[in-house]
Amino acid sequence: MLQSKATFLHRNVASLVVILLVLGFAKVGAIWIELPPQGTKCLSEEIQANVVLFGNYTLFFTDIRFPTTMSVKVTSPHGNIIHSKEKVSQGQFALTTKEAGSYLVCFLMDSKEKKMGGNVNLEWKIGIQARDWDSIARMEKLQGVELELRKLETSVAVIHENLVHLRNREMEVRNISEKTNARVAWLSLTSLLICISVSAVQVWHLENFFKKKKLL
């Protein structure tokens, strides 16, 4: 009996670790963006407030004989510019989001040649993966399992924040839906009363018309 409980607990812990690792590493990766010779290419992502965001970008030319540069701009959900660079071929940005919403990163080629494009490699890290775990390990003297447990602890905190955020969003959507349904019900009732009133006025008007014509 004890062995079966231990096996069950071990499986649950292993499953939890796998889930945390999947969720923790879901927001990290390199993205290849093909830039046209003219025009802007943008990417956006919904990010919550108080989340660490890190980006590292590098421009690769389609023709190495004609090296060129690009302009980079990162804006917040309210349109504030939080990172801007011109005439660069590589760079990075790191920040902590102050507001929840869609963060936008845009790239623009500086080439004047109409056929001269490029490719950008964007390393995009959010939340846990954007943290410098090597520095944290050195400062707090964490090694091996301790460091992994710290990462899992942080992952649990992030997941809890995400669940709270989703619950709050669900409540907001539910309240909006209830208000909309109430307004639709009042609008339907008002429309019905207006139709009844118009019908009554039409009947009264027709009745008076027929009486004047002595048809009734």
N, C-alpha and C. Protein backbone atom coordinates (compact mmCIF):
# COMPACT_ATOMS: atom_id res chain seq x y z
N MET A 1 0.83 -1.21 0.00
CA MET A 1 0.00 0.00 0.00
C MET A 1 0.86 1.26 0.00
N LEU A 2 1.88 1.27 0.92
CA LEU A 2 2.79 2.41 0.98
C LEU A 2 3.56 2.57 -0.31
N GLN A 3 3.93 1.42 -0.90
CA GLN A 3 4.69 1.48 -2.15
C GLN A 3 3.85 2.07 -3.27
N SER A 4 2.57 1.68 -3.31
CA SER A 4 1.70 2.21 -4.36
C SER A 4 1.48 3.70 -4.20
N LYS A 5 1.35 4.16 -2.92
CA LYS A 5 1.20 5.60 -2.68
C LYS A 5 2.46 6.35 -3.08
N ALA A 6 3.62 5.76 -2.76
CA ALA A 6 4.88 6.41 -3.12
C ALA A 6 5.02 6.51 -4.64
N THR A 7 4.61 5.43 -5.33
CA THR A 7 4.68 5.44 -6.79
C THR A 7 3.75 6.49 -7.37
N PHE A 8 2.53 6.58 -6.79
CA PHE A 8 1.56 7.58 -7.25
C PHE A 8 2.08 8.99 -7.03
N LEU A 9 2.67 9.23 -5.83
CA LEU A 9 3.22 10.55 -5.54
C LEU A 9 4.37 10.89 -6.47
N HIS A 10 5.23 9.89 -6.72
CA HIS A 10 6.37 10.12 -7.62
C HIS A 10 5.89 10.49 -9.02
N ARG A 11 4.84 9.80 -9.49
CA ARG A 11 4.32 10.10 -10.82
C ARG A 11 3.73 11.50 -10.87
N ASN A 12 3.01 11.88 -9.80
CA ASN A 12 2.42 13.22 -9.79
C ASN A 12 3.49 14.30 -9.77
N VAL A 13 4.54 14.09 -8.97
CA VAL A 13 5.63 15.06 -8.92
C VAL A 13 6.32 15.15 -10.27
N ALA A 14 6.55 13.99 -10.90
CA ALA A 14 7.19 13.98 -12.22
C ALA A 14 6.33 14.70 -13.25
N SER A 15 5.01 14.45 -13.18
CA SER A 15 4.11 15.13 -14.12
C SER A 15 4.12 16.63 -13.90
N LEU A 16 4.14 17.05 -12.61
CA LEU A 16 4.17 18.47 -12.31
C LEU A 16 5.44 19.12 -12.82
N VAL A 17 6.56 18.43 -12.65
CA VAL A 17 7.84 18.96 -13.12
C VAL A 17 7.81 19.13 -14.64
N VAL A 18 7.27 18.13 -15.35
CA VAL A 18 7.19 18.21 -16.81
C VAL A 18 6.33 19.38 -17.24
N ILE A 19 5.17 19.55 -16.57
CA ILE A 19 4.28 20.65 -16.92
C ILE A 19 4.95 21.99 -16.68
N LEU A 20 5.63 22.11 -15.54
CA LEU A 20 6.30 23.37 -15.23
C LEU A 20 7.40 23.67 -16.22
N LEU A 21 8.15 22.64 -16.61
CA LEU A 21 9.22 22.85 -17.57
C LEU A 21 8.66 23.28 -18.92
N VAL A 22 7.55 22.64 -19.34
CA VAL A 22 6.94 23.00 -20.62
C VAL A 22 6.45 24.44 -20.59
N LEU A 23 5.75 24.80 -19.50
CA LEU A 23 5.25 26.16 -19.39
C LEU A 23 6.37 27.17 -19.22
N GLY A 24 7.39 26.78 -18.51
CA GLY A 24 8.49 27.70 -18.27
C GLY A 24 9.29 28.00 -19.50
N PHE A 25 9.44 27.00 -20.37
CA PHE A 25 10.25 27.20 -21.57
C PHE A 25 9.41 27.52 -22.79
N ALA A 26 8.11 27.76 -22.60
CA ALA A 26 7.24 28.00 -23.75
C ALA A 26 7.51 29.35 -24.39
N LYS A 27 7.99 30.32 -23.60
CA LYS A 27 8.17 31.67 -24.10
C LYS A 27 9.63 31.98 -24.43
N VAL A 28 10.33 31.05 -24.98
CA VAL A 28 11.72 31.30 -25.33
C VAL A 28 11.97 30.67 -26.69
N GLY A 29 12.79 31.33 -27.49
CA GLY A 29 13.10 30.76 -28.79
C GLY A 29 13.55 31.83 -29.75
N ALA A 30 14.15 31.39 -30.85
CA ALA A 30 14.63 32.30 -31.88
C ALA A 30 13.62 32.35 -33.02
N ILE A 31 13.37 33.55 -33.51
CA ILE A 31 12.42 33.76 -34.59
C ILE A 31 13.15 34.37 -35.77
N TRP A 32 12.91 33.80 -36.94
CA TRP A 32 13.50 34.35 -38.17
C TRP A 32 12.46 35.22 -38.85
N ILE A 33 12.85 36.45 -39.18
CA ILE A 33 11.95 37.40 -39.80
C ILE A 33 12.57 37.86 -41.12
N GLU A 34 11.82 37.70 -42.19
CA GLU A 34 12.28 38.15 -43.50
C GLU A 34 11.83 39.59 -43.73
N LEU A 35 12.80 40.48 -43.87
CA LEU A 35 12.50 41.90 -44.05
C LEU A 35 12.44 42.25 -45.53
N PRO A 36 11.41 42.95 -45.95
CA PRO A 36 11.35 43.41 -47.34
C PRO A 36 12.28 44.59 -47.54
N PRO A 37 12.67 44.87 -48.78
CA PRO A 37 13.55 46.03 -49.04
C PRO A 37 12.94 47.34 -48.57
N GLN A 38 11.63 47.45 -48.69
CA GLN A 38 10.93 48.64 -48.24
C GLN A 38 9.72 48.21 -47.41
N GLY A 39 9.41 49.00 -46.41
CA GLY A 39 8.30 48.64 -45.54
C GLY A 39 8.79 48.12 -44.20
N THR A 40 7.87 47.99 -43.29
CA THR A 40 8.17 47.59 -41.92
C THR A 40 7.56 46.23 -41.62
N LYS A 41 8.29 45.42 -40.89
CA LYS A 41 7.80 44.11 -40.44
C LYS A 41 7.73 44.14 -38.91
N CYS A 42 6.56 43.83 -38.36
CA CYS A 42 6.34 43.92 -36.91
C CYS A 42 5.84 42.60 -36.34
N LEU A 43 6.14 42.39 -35.08
CA LEU A 43 5.64 41.26 -34.32
C LEU A 43 5.08 41.78 -33.00
N SER A 44 4.03 41.14 -32.50
CA SER A 44 3.44 41.57 -31.23
C SER A 44 3.11 40.36 -30.38
N GLU A 45 3.06 40.59 -29.08
CA GLU A 45 2.71 39.52 -28.14
C GLU A 45 2.06 40.12 -26.90
N GLU A 46 1.03 39.42 -26.41
CA GLU A 46 0.36 39.84 -25.19
C GLU A 46 1.22 39.46 -23.98
N ILE A 47 1.57 40.46 -23.17
CA ILE A 47 2.41 40.24 -22.00
C ILE A 47 1.77 40.95 -20.81
N GLN A 48 1.83 40.31 -19.65
CA GLN A 48 1.29 40.90 -18.45
C GLN A 48 2.25 41.95 -17.88
N ALA A 49 1.79 42.67 -16.87
CA ALA A 49 2.62 43.67 -16.21
C ALA A 49 3.62 42.99 -15.27
N ASN A 50 4.72 43.68 -15.01
CA ASN A 50 5.77 43.21 -14.10
C ASN A 50 6.40 41.90 -14.57
N VAL A 51 6.60 41.78 -15.87
CA VAL A 51 7.23 40.60 -16.47
C VAL A 51 8.52 41.04 -17.16
N VAL A 52 9.58 40.27 -16.95
CA VAL A 52 10.86 40.58 -17.58
C VAL A 52 10.82 40.19 -19.05
N LEU A 53 11.25 41.10 -19.92
CA LEU A 53 11.27 40.87 -21.37
C LEU A 53 12.68 41.13 -21.88
N PHE A 54 13.21 40.17 -22.64
CA PHE A 54 14.56 40.30 -23.20
C PHE A 54 14.51 39.97 -24.69
N GLY A 55 15.19 40.78 -25.48
CA GLY A 55 15.27 40.55 -26.92
C GLY A 55 16.67 40.76 -27.44
N ASN A 56 17.10 39.88 -28.32
CA ASN A 56 18.43 39.98 -28.94
C ASN A 56 18.24 39.77 -30.44
N TYR A 57 18.64 40.74 -31.26
CA TYR A 57 18.38 40.67 -32.69
C TYR A 57 19.66 40.86 -33.49
N THR A 58 19.72 40.17 -34.63
CA THR A 58 20.87 40.24 -35.53
C THR A 58 20.37 40.25 -36.96
N LEU A 59 20.92 41.14 -37.77
CA LEU A 59 20.53 41.25 -39.18
C LEU A 59 21.52 40.50 -40.06
N PHE A 60 20.97 39.67 -40.97
CA PHE A 60 21.78 38.95 -41.96
C PHE A 60 21.38 39.46 -43.33
N PHE A 61 22.38 39.81 -44.15
CA PHE A 61 22.11 40.39 -45.46
C PHE A 61 21.81 39.29 -46.47
N THR A 62 20.94 39.62 -47.41
CA THR A 62 20.69 38.69 -48.52
C THR A 62 21.84 38.68 -49.51
N ASP A 63 22.59 39.77 -49.56
CA ASP A 63 23.75 39.88 -50.43
C ASP A 63 24.88 40.52 -49.63
N ILE A 64 25.90 39.73 -49.30
CA ILE A 64 26.99 40.22 -48.44
C ILE A 64 27.82 41.30 -49.14
N ARG A 65 27.67 41.44 -50.44
CA ARG A 65 28.42 42.48 -51.15
C ARG A 65 27.87 43.87 -50.84
N PHE A 66 26.63 43.93 -50.38
CA PHE A 66 26.00 45.21 -50.08
C PHE A 66 25.47 45.19 -48.65
N PRO A 67 26.37 45.29 -47.67
CA PRO A 67 25.91 45.29 -46.27
C PRO A 67 25.06 46.52 -45.98
N THR A 68 24.06 46.35 -45.17
CA THR A 68 23.16 47.45 -44.83
C THR A 68 22.79 47.36 -43.35
N THR A 69 21.99 48.28 -42.91
CA THR A 69 21.57 48.33 -41.52
C THR A 69 20.04 48.39 -41.45
N MET A 70 19.53 48.45 -40.24
CA MET A 70 18.09 48.49 -40.04
C MET A 70 17.76 49.38 -38.84
N SER A 71 16.49 49.71 -38.73
CA SER A 71 15.98 50.47 -37.58
C SER A 71 15.07 49.55 -36.77
N VAL A 72 15.16 49.66 -35.46
CA VAL A 72 14.39 48.80 -34.55
C VAL A 72 13.62 49.68 -33.57
N LYS A 73 12.37 49.30 -33.34
CA LYS A 73 11.56 50.06 -32.39
C LYS A 73 10.65 49.09 -31.62
N VAL A 74 10.62 49.25 -30.31
CA VAL A 74 9.75 48.46 -29.44
C VAL A 74 8.81 49.42 -28.73
N THR A 75 7.51 49.16 -28.81
CA THR A 75 6.51 50.05 -28.21
C THR A 75 5.64 49.28 -27.22
N SER A 76 5.14 50.01 -26.24
CA SER A 76 4.28 49.44 -25.21
C SER A 76 2.83 49.42 -25.70
N PRO A 77 1.92 48.78 -24.94
CA PRO A 77 0.51 48.75 -25.37
C PRO A 77 -0.11 50.14 -25.54
N HIS A 78 0.40 51.14 -24.81
CA HIS A 78 -0.13 52.50 -24.93
C HIS A 78 0.61 53.34 -25.95
N GLY A 79 1.52 52.71 -26.71
CA GLY A 79 2.22 53.42 -27.77
C GLY A 79 3.50 54.11 -27.35
N ASN A 80 3.93 53.92 -26.12
CA ASN A 80 5.18 54.53 -25.66
C ASN A 80 6.38 53.76 -26.21
N ILE A 81 7.38 54.48 -26.71
CA ILE A 81 8.59 53.84 -27.24
C ILE A 81 9.52 53.47 -26.08
N ILE A 82 9.78 52.19 -25.92
CA ILE A 82 10.62 51.72 -24.82
C ILE A 82 12.00 51.27 -25.31
N HIS A 83 12.17 51.15 -26.62
CA HIS A 83 13.48 50.83 -27.19
C HIS A 83 13.48 51.28 -28.65
N SER A 84 14.52 52.02 -29.03
CA SER A 84 14.61 52.51 -30.40
C SER A 84 16.08 52.62 -30.81
N LYS A 85 16.41 52.02 -31.95
CA LYS A 85 17.76 52.08 -32.50
C LYS A 85 17.67 52.29 -34.01
N GLU A 86 18.61 53.06 -34.54
CA GLU A 86 18.66 53.31 -35.98
C GLU A 86 20.04 52.95 -36.52
N LYS A 87 20.04 52.47 -37.76
CA LYS A 87 21.28 52.12 -38.47
C LYS A 87 22.14 51.15 -37.66
N VAL A 88 21.54 50.03 -37.27
CA VAL A 88 22.25 48.99 -36.53
C VAL A 88 22.07 47.67 -37.26
N SER A 89 23.01 46.76 -37.04
CA SER A 89 22.90 45.41 -37.59
C SER A 89 22.64 44.38 -36.51
N GLN A 90 22.82 44.77 -35.26
CA GLN A 90 22.52 43.89 -34.14
C GLN A 90 22.34 44.72 -32.87
N GLY A 91 21.73 44.11 -31.88
CA GLY A 91 21.50 44.80 -30.62
C GLY A 91 20.61 43.98 -29.71
N GLN A 92 20.29 44.53 -28.57
CA GLN A 92 19.43 43.83 -27.63
C GLN A 92 18.71 44.83 -26.74
N PHE A 93 17.66 44.36 -26.10
CA PHE A 93 16.92 45.19 -25.16
C PHE A 93 16.44 44.30 -24.02
N ALA A 94 16.34 44.88 -22.85
CA ALA A 94 15.87 44.18 -21.66
C ALA A 94 15.07 45.16 -20.82
N LEU A 95 13.91 44.74 -20.36
CA LEU A 95 13.05 45.63 -19.59
C LEU A 95 12.07 44.82 -18.77
N THR A 96 11.45 45.50 -17.83
CA THR A 96 10.35 44.92 -17.05
C THR A 96 9.07 45.66 -17.43
N THR A 97 8.10 44.94 -17.90
CA THR A 97 6.87 45.56 -18.39
C THR A 97 6.14 46.27 -17.25
N LYS A 98 5.63 47.45 -17.55
CA LYS A 98 4.89 48.24 -16.56
C LYS A 98 3.39 48.16 -16.75
N GLU A 99 2.97 47.68 -17.90
CA GLU A 99 1.55 47.59 -18.18
C GLU A 99 1.26 46.33 -18.97
N ALA A 100 0.07 45.80 -18.79
CA ALA A 100 -0.33 44.59 -19.50
C ALA A 100 -0.91 44.96 -20.86
N GLY A 101 -0.66 44.12 -21.85
CA GLY A 101 -1.18 44.37 -23.18
C GLY A 101 -0.26 43.84 -24.25
N SER A 102 -0.45 44.34 -25.46
CA SER A 102 0.30 43.86 -26.62
C SER A 102 1.55 44.72 -26.83
N TYR A 103 2.71 44.08 -26.71
CA TYR A 103 3.99 44.77 -26.96
C TYR A 103 4.43 44.50 -28.40
N LEU A 104 4.86 45.56 -29.07
CA LEU A 104 5.13 45.51 -30.51
C LEU A 104 6.60 45.80 -30.78
N VAL A 105 7.24 44.93 -31.58
CA VAL A 105 8.62 45.16 -32.02
C VAL A 105 8.61 45.24 -33.54
N CYS A 106 9.20 46.29 -34.10
CA CYS A 106 9.18 46.53 -35.54
C CYS A 106 10.60 46.69 -36.07
N PHE A 107 10.81 46.17 -37.30
CA PHE A 107 12.10 46.26 -37.98
C PHE A 107 11.90 46.92 -39.34
N LEU A 108 12.84 47.79 -39.71
CA LEU A 108 12.78 48.50 -40.98
C LEU A 108 14.16 48.53 -41.60
N MET A 109 14.27 48.07 -42.85
CA MET A 109 15.55 48.08 -43.56
C MET A 109 15.92 49.51 -43.93
N ASP A 110 17.22 49.84 -43.79
CA ASP A 110 17.72 51.16 -44.17
C ASP A 110 18.23 51.20 -45.61
N SER A 111 18.17 50.06 -46.29
CA SER A 111 18.70 49.98 -47.65
C SER A 111 17.86 50.81 -48.61
N LYS A 112 18.53 51.52 -49.51
CA LYS A 112 17.84 52.29 -50.54
C LYS A 112 17.62 51.48 -51.80
N GLU A 113 18.24 50.30 -51.85
CA GLU A 113 18.05 49.43 -53.01
C GLU A 113 16.68 48.76 -52.93
N LYS A 114 15.92 48.80 -54.01
CA LYS A 114 14.57 48.25 -54.01
C LYS A 114 14.57 46.72 -53.90
N LYS A 115 15.67 46.08 -54.30
CA LYS A 115 15.73 44.62 -54.26
C LYS A 115 16.57 44.11 -53.10
N MET A 116 17.01 45.00 -52.24
CA MET A 116 17.90 44.62 -51.15
C MET A 116 17.09 44.38 -49.88
N GLY A 117 16.94 43.11 -49.50
CA GLY A 117 16.23 42.76 -48.28
C GLY A 117 17.18 42.18 -47.25
N GLY A 118 16.64 41.53 -46.24
CA GLY A 118 17.46 40.93 -45.21
C GLY A 118 16.65 40.00 -44.33
N ASN A 119 17.34 39.29 -43.46
CA ASN A 119 16.70 38.38 -42.51
C ASN A 119 17.17 38.72 -41.10
N VAL A 120 16.23 38.79 -40.18
CA VAL A 120 16.54 39.11 -38.79
C VAL A 120 16.32 37.88 -37.93
N ASN A 121 17.32 37.58 -37.10
CA ASN A 121 17.18 36.53 -36.11
C ASN A 121 16.87 37.20 -34.77
N LEU A 122 15.67 36.97 -34.27
CA LEU A 122 15.21 37.59 -33.03
C LEU A 122 15.10 36.54 -31.94
N GLU A 123 15.89 36.71 -30.90
CA GLU A 123 15.79 35.84 -29.72
C GLU A 123 14.88 36.54 -28.71
N TRP A 124 13.75 35.91 -28.45
CA TRP A 124 12.68 36.54 -27.67
C TRP A 124 12.47 35.73 -26.40
N LYS A 125 12.75 36.34 -25.24
CA LYS A 125 12.60 35.65 -23.95
C LYS A 125 11.67 36.45 -23.05
N ILE A 126 10.77 35.74 -22.39
CA ILE A 126 9.79 36.38 -21.52
C ILE A 126 9.74 35.65 -20.18
N GLY A 127 9.64 36.43 -19.12
CA GLY A 127 9.43 35.85 -17.80
C GLY A 127 10.66 35.16 -17.25
N ILE A 128 10.48 33.89 -16.90
CA ILE A 128 11.53 33.13 -16.22
C ILE A 128 12.78 33.02 -17.08
N GLN A 129 12.61 32.73 -18.36
CA GLN A 129 13.76 32.50 -19.23
C GLN A 129 14.53 33.78 -19.53
N ALA A 130 13.93 34.94 -19.25
CA ALA A 130 14.64 36.19 -19.49
C ALA A 130 15.56 36.56 -18.32
N ARG A 131 15.47 35.83 -17.25
CA ARG A 131 16.31 36.14 -16.09
C ARG A 131 17.71 35.56 -16.27
N ASP A 132 18.66 36.23 -15.67
CA ASP A 132 20.06 35.78 -15.71
C ASP A 132 20.27 34.82 -14.54
N TRP A 133 20.00 33.54 -14.80
CA TRP A 133 20.08 32.55 -13.72
C TRP A 133 21.51 32.32 -13.26
N ASP A 134 22.48 32.53 -14.12
CA ASP A 134 23.88 32.38 -13.70
C ASP A 134 24.23 33.41 -12.63
N SER A 135 23.81 34.64 -12.85
CA SER A 135 24.08 35.68 -11.85
C SER A 135 23.32 35.41 -10.55
N ILE A 136 22.07 34.95 -10.68
CA ILE A 136 21.29 34.63 -9.49
C ILE A 136 21.94 33.50 -8.70
N ALA A 137 22.43 32.49 -9.43
CA ALA A 137 23.09 31.36 -8.75
C ALA A 137 24.35 31.81 -8.03
N ARG A 138 25.12 32.72 -8.64
CA ARG A 138 26.34 33.20 -7.99
C ARG A 138 26.03 34.07 -6.78
N MET A 139 25.02 34.93 -6.90
CA MET A 139 24.69 35.82 -5.79
C MET A 139 24.11 35.06 -4.60
N GLU A 140 23.24 34.09 -4.87
CA GLU A 140 22.59 33.36 -3.79
C GLU A 140 23.29 32.04 -3.49
N LYS A 141 24.39 31.79 -4.19
CA LYS A 141 25.19 30.57 -3.96
C LYS A 141 24.34 29.31 -4.11
N LEU A 142 23.66 29.23 -5.24
CA LEU A 142 22.82 28.07 -5.55
C LEU A 142 23.55 27.17 -6.52
N GLN A 143 23.42 25.87 -6.31
CA GLN A 143 24.08 24.90 -7.17
C GLN A 143 23.14 23.72 -7.43
N GLY A 144 23.27 23.16 -8.63
CA GLY A 144 22.60 21.92 -8.97
C GLY A 144 21.12 21.92 -8.68
N VAL A 145 20.71 21.03 -7.78
CA VAL A 145 19.30 20.83 -7.47
C VAL A 145 18.68 22.09 -6.87
N GLU A 146 19.44 22.81 -6.05
CA GLU A 146 18.92 24.04 -5.44
C GLU A 146 18.52 25.05 -6.50
N LEU A 147 19.34 25.19 -7.53
CA LEU A 147 19.03 26.12 -8.60
C LEU A 147 17.80 25.68 -9.37
N GLU A 148 17.69 24.38 -9.65
CA GLU A 148 16.52 23.87 -10.37
C GLU A 148 15.26 24.05 -9.55
N LEU A 149 15.36 23.81 -8.23
CA LEU A 149 14.20 24.02 -7.36
C LEU A 149 13.80 25.49 -7.33
N ARG A 150 14.78 26.37 -7.37
CA ARG A 150 14.48 27.80 -7.40
C ARG A 150 13.75 28.16 -8.69
N LYS A 151 14.18 27.57 -9.81
CA LYS A 151 13.50 27.80 -11.08
C LYS A 151 12.07 27.29 -11.03
N LEU A 152 11.89 26.09 -10.45
CA LEU A 152 10.54 25.53 -10.34
C LEU A 152 9.67 26.38 -9.43
N GLU A 153 10.25 26.88 -8.35
CA GLU A 153 9.50 27.75 -7.45
C GLU A 153 9.04 29.01 -8.17
N THR A 154 9.94 29.58 -8.96
CA THR A 154 9.58 30.76 -9.73
C THR A 154 8.52 30.42 -10.78
N SER A 155 8.64 29.23 -11.37
CA SER A 155 7.65 28.79 -12.36
C SER A 155 6.27 28.67 -11.73
N VAL A 156 6.22 28.10 -10.53
CA VAL A 156 4.93 27.96 -9.83
C VAL A 156 4.33 29.33 -9.56
N ALA A 157 5.16 30.29 -9.13
CA ALA A 157 4.67 31.64 -8.87
C ALA A 157 4.12 32.29 -10.14
N VAL A 158 4.84 32.09 -11.25
CA VAL A 158 4.38 32.65 -12.53
C VAL A 158 3.07 32.01 -12.97
N ILE A 159 2.98 30.69 -12.83
CA ILE A 159 1.75 29.99 -13.21
C ILE A 159 0.58 30.47 -12.36
N HIS A 160 0.84 30.66 -11.06
CA HIS A 160 -0.22 31.17 -10.17
C HIS A 160 -0.67 32.56 -10.61
N GLU A 161 0.28 33.42 -10.96
CA GLU A 161 -0.08 34.76 -11.44
C GLU A 161 -0.88 34.68 -12.73
N ASN A 162 -0.50 33.76 -13.62
CA ASN A 162 -1.24 33.60 -14.87
C ASN A 162 -2.67 33.12 -14.61
N LEU A 163 -2.82 32.18 -13.67
CA LEU A 163 -4.15 31.68 -13.34
C LEU A 163 -5.01 32.79 -12.74
N VAL A 164 -4.42 33.59 -11.85
CA VAL A 164 -5.16 34.71 -11.27
C VAL A 164 -5.55 35.71 -12.36
N HIS A 165 -4.62 35.97 -13.28
CA HIS A 165 -4.91 36.89 -14.39
C HIS A 165 -6.04 36.35 -15.26
N LEU A 166 -5.99 35.05 -15.57
CA LEU A 166 -7.05 34.46 -16.39
C LEU A 166 -8.39 34.49 -15.67
N ARG A 167 -8.37 34.26 -14.36
CA ARG A 167 -9.62 34.30 -13.60
C ARG A 167 -10.20 35.71 -13.59
N ASN A 168 -9.32 36.71 -13.43
CA ASN A 168 -9.80 38.09 -13.47
C ASN A 168 -10.35 38.46 -14.84
N ARG A 169 -9.65 37.99 -15.90
CA ARG A 169 -10.15 38.25 -17.25
C ARG A 169 -11.50 37.57 -17.47
N GLU A 170 -11.64 36.35 -16.93
CA GLU A 170 -12.91 35.63 -17.07
C GLU A 170 -14.03 36.39 -16.37
N MET A 171 -13.74 36.93 -15.17
CA MET A 171 -14.75 37.70 -14.45
C MET A 171 -15.12 38.96 -15.22
N GLU A 172 -14.12 39.62 -15.81
CA GLU A 172 -14.40 40.82 -16.60
C GLU A 172 -15.27 40.50 -17.81
N VAL A 173 -14.92 39.41 -18.50
CA VAL A 173 -15.71 39.01 -19.67
C VAL A 173 -17.12 38.63 -19.26
N ARG A 174 -17.25 37.93 -18.12
CA ARG A 174 -18.57 37.54 -17.64
C ARG A 174 -19.41 38.76 -17.29
N ASN A 175 -18.80 39.74 -16.63
CA ASN A 175 -19.53 40.96 -16.28
C ASN A 175 -19.97 41.71 -17.54
N ILE A 176 -19.06 41.80 -18.51
CA ILE A 176 -19.42 42.47 -19.77
C ILE A 176 -20.55 41.73 -20.47
N SER A 177 -20.48 40.38 -20.45
CA SER A 177 -21.52 39.58 -21.09
C SER A 177 -22.87 39.77 -20.40
N GLU A 178 -22.85 39.80 -19.06
CA GLU A 178 -24.10 39.99 -18.32
C GLU A 178 -24.68 41.38 -18.59
N LYS A 179 -23.82 42.41 -18.61
CA LYS A 179 -24.31 43.76 -18.91
C LYS A 179 -24.87 43.84 -20.32
N THR A 180 -24.17 43.18 -21.27
CA THR A 180 -24.64 43.19 -22.66
C THR A 180 -25.99 42.48 -22.78
N ASN A 181 -26.14 41.33 -22.10
CA ASN A 181 -27.41 40.61 -22.14
C ASN A 181 -28.53 41.45 -21.53
N ALA A 182 -28.23 42.15 -20.43
CA ALA A 182 -29.25 43.00 -19.80
C ALA A 182 -29.66 44.14 -20.74
N ARG A 183 -28.67 44.74 -21.41
CA ARG A 183 -28.98 45.82 -22.34
C ARG A 183 -29.79 45.32 -23.53
N VAL A 184 -29.43 44.13 -24.02
CA VAL A 184 -30.19 43.55 -25.13
C VAL A 184 -31.63 43.27 -24.71
N ALA A 185 -31.81 42.77 -23.47
CA ALA A 185 -33.16 42.49 -22.98
C ALA A 185 -33.97 43.78 -22.89
N TRP A 186 -33.37 44.84 -22.34
CA TRP A 186 -34.07 46.12 -22.26
C TRP A 186 -34.36 46.69 -23.65
N LEU A 187 -33.42 46.52 -24.57
CA LEU A 187 -33.64 47.00 -25.93
C LEU A 187 -34.77 46.24 -26.60
N SER A 188 -34.82 44.93 -26.38
CA SER A 188 -35.91 44.12 -26.95
C SER A 188 -37.25 44.53 -26.37
N LEU A 189 -37.28 44.75 -25.04
CA LEU A 189 -38.52 45.17 -24.41
C LEU A 189 -38.95 46.55 -24.90
N THR A 190 -37.99 47.45 -25.02
CA THR A 190 -38.31 48.79 -25.53
C THR A 190 -38.82 48.74 -26.97
N SER A 191 -38.17 47.90 -27.79
CA SER A 191 -38.62 47.75 -29.18
C SER A 191 -40.04 47.19 -29.24
N LEU A 192 -40.32 46.22 -28.36
CA LEU A 192 -41.67 45.65 -28.33
C LEU A 192 -42.70 46.69 -27.93
N LEU A 193 -42.40 47.49 -26.91
CA LEU A 193 -43.33 48.53 -26.47
C LEU A 193 -43.53 49.57 -27.57
N ILE A 194 -42.46 49.92 -28.27
CA ILE A 194 -42.59 50.89 -29.37
C ILE A 194 -43.47 50.33 -30.47
N CYS A 195 -43.27 49.04 -30.81
CA CYS A 195 -44.10 48.42 -31.86
C CYS A 195 -45.57 48.39 -31.45
N ILE A 196 -45.83 48.05 -30.17
CA ILE A 196 -47.22 48.03 -29.70
C ILE A 196 -47.82 49.43 -29.74
N SER A 197 -47.04 50.43 -29.33
CA SER A 197 -47.54 51.81 -29.34
C SER A 197 -47.83 52.28 -30.76
N VAL A 198 -46.92 51.99 -31.68
CA VAL A 198 -47.13 52.38 -33.08
C VAL A 198 -48.35 51.68 -33.66
N SER A 199 -48.51 50.41 -33.33
CA SER A 199 -49.68 49.66 -33.83
C SER A 199 -50.97 50.25 -33.28
N ALA A 200 -50.96 50.61 -31.98
CA ALA A 200 -52.16 51.21 -31.38
C ALA A 200 -52.49 52.55 -32.03
N VAL A 201 -51.48 53.36 -32.29
CA VAL A 201 -51.70 54.65 -32.95
C VAL A 201 -52.25 54.45 -34.36
N GLN A 202 -51.72 53.46 -35.08
CA GLN A 202 -52.20 53.19 -36.43
C GLN A 202 -53.66 52.73 -36.41
N VAL A 203 -53.99 51.86 -35.45
CA VAL A 203 -55.39 51.40 -35.34
C VAL A 203 -56.32 52.57 -35.02
N TRP A 204 -55.87 53.43 -34.07
CA TRP A 204 -56.70 54.60 -33.73
C TRP A 204 -56.85 55.54 -34.91
N HIS A 205 -55.79 55.74 -35.67
CA HIS A 205 -55.85 56.62 -36.84
C HIS A 205 -56.78 56.04 -37.90
N LEU A 206 -56.69 54.74 -38.16
CA LEU A 206 -57.56 54.12 -39.16
C LEU A 206 -59.02 54.16 -38.72
N GLU A 207 -59.23 53.95 -37.42
CA GLU A 207 -60.61 53.98 -36.92
C GLU A 207 -61.23 55.36 -37.10
N ASN A 208 -60.48 56.41 -36.78
CA ASN A 208 -60.98 57.78 -36.98
C ASN A 208 -61.19 58.08 -38.46
N PHE A 209 -60.30 57.57 -39.30
CA PHE A 209 -60.43 57.80 -40.74
C PHE A 209 -61.72 57.18 -41.27
N PHE A 210 -61.99 55.94 -40.86
CA PHE A 210 -63.20 55.26 -41.34
C PHE A 210 -64.46 55.91 -40.79
N LYS A 211 -64.37 56.44 -39.55
CA LYS A 211 -65.53 57.11 -38.99
C LYS A 211 -65.83 58.40 -39.74
N LYS A 212 -64.77 59.14 -40.10
CA LYS A 212 -64.97 60.37 -40.86
C LYS A 212 -65.56 60.07 -42.23
N LYS A 213 -65.15 58.97 -42.82
CA LYS A 213 -65.66 58.57 -44.13
C LYS A 213 -67.00 57.85 -44.02
N LYS A 214 -67.47 57.73 -42.75
CA LYS A 214 -68.74 57.05 -42.47
C LYS A 214 -68.75 55.63 -43.01
N LEU A 215 -67.60 54.99 -42.90
CA LEU A 215 -67.52 53.59 -43.31
C LEU A 215 -67.73 52.66 -42.12
N LEU A 216 -67.74 53.20 -40.93
CA LEU A 216 -67.99 52.41 -39.72
C LEU A 216 -69.25 52.90 -39.03
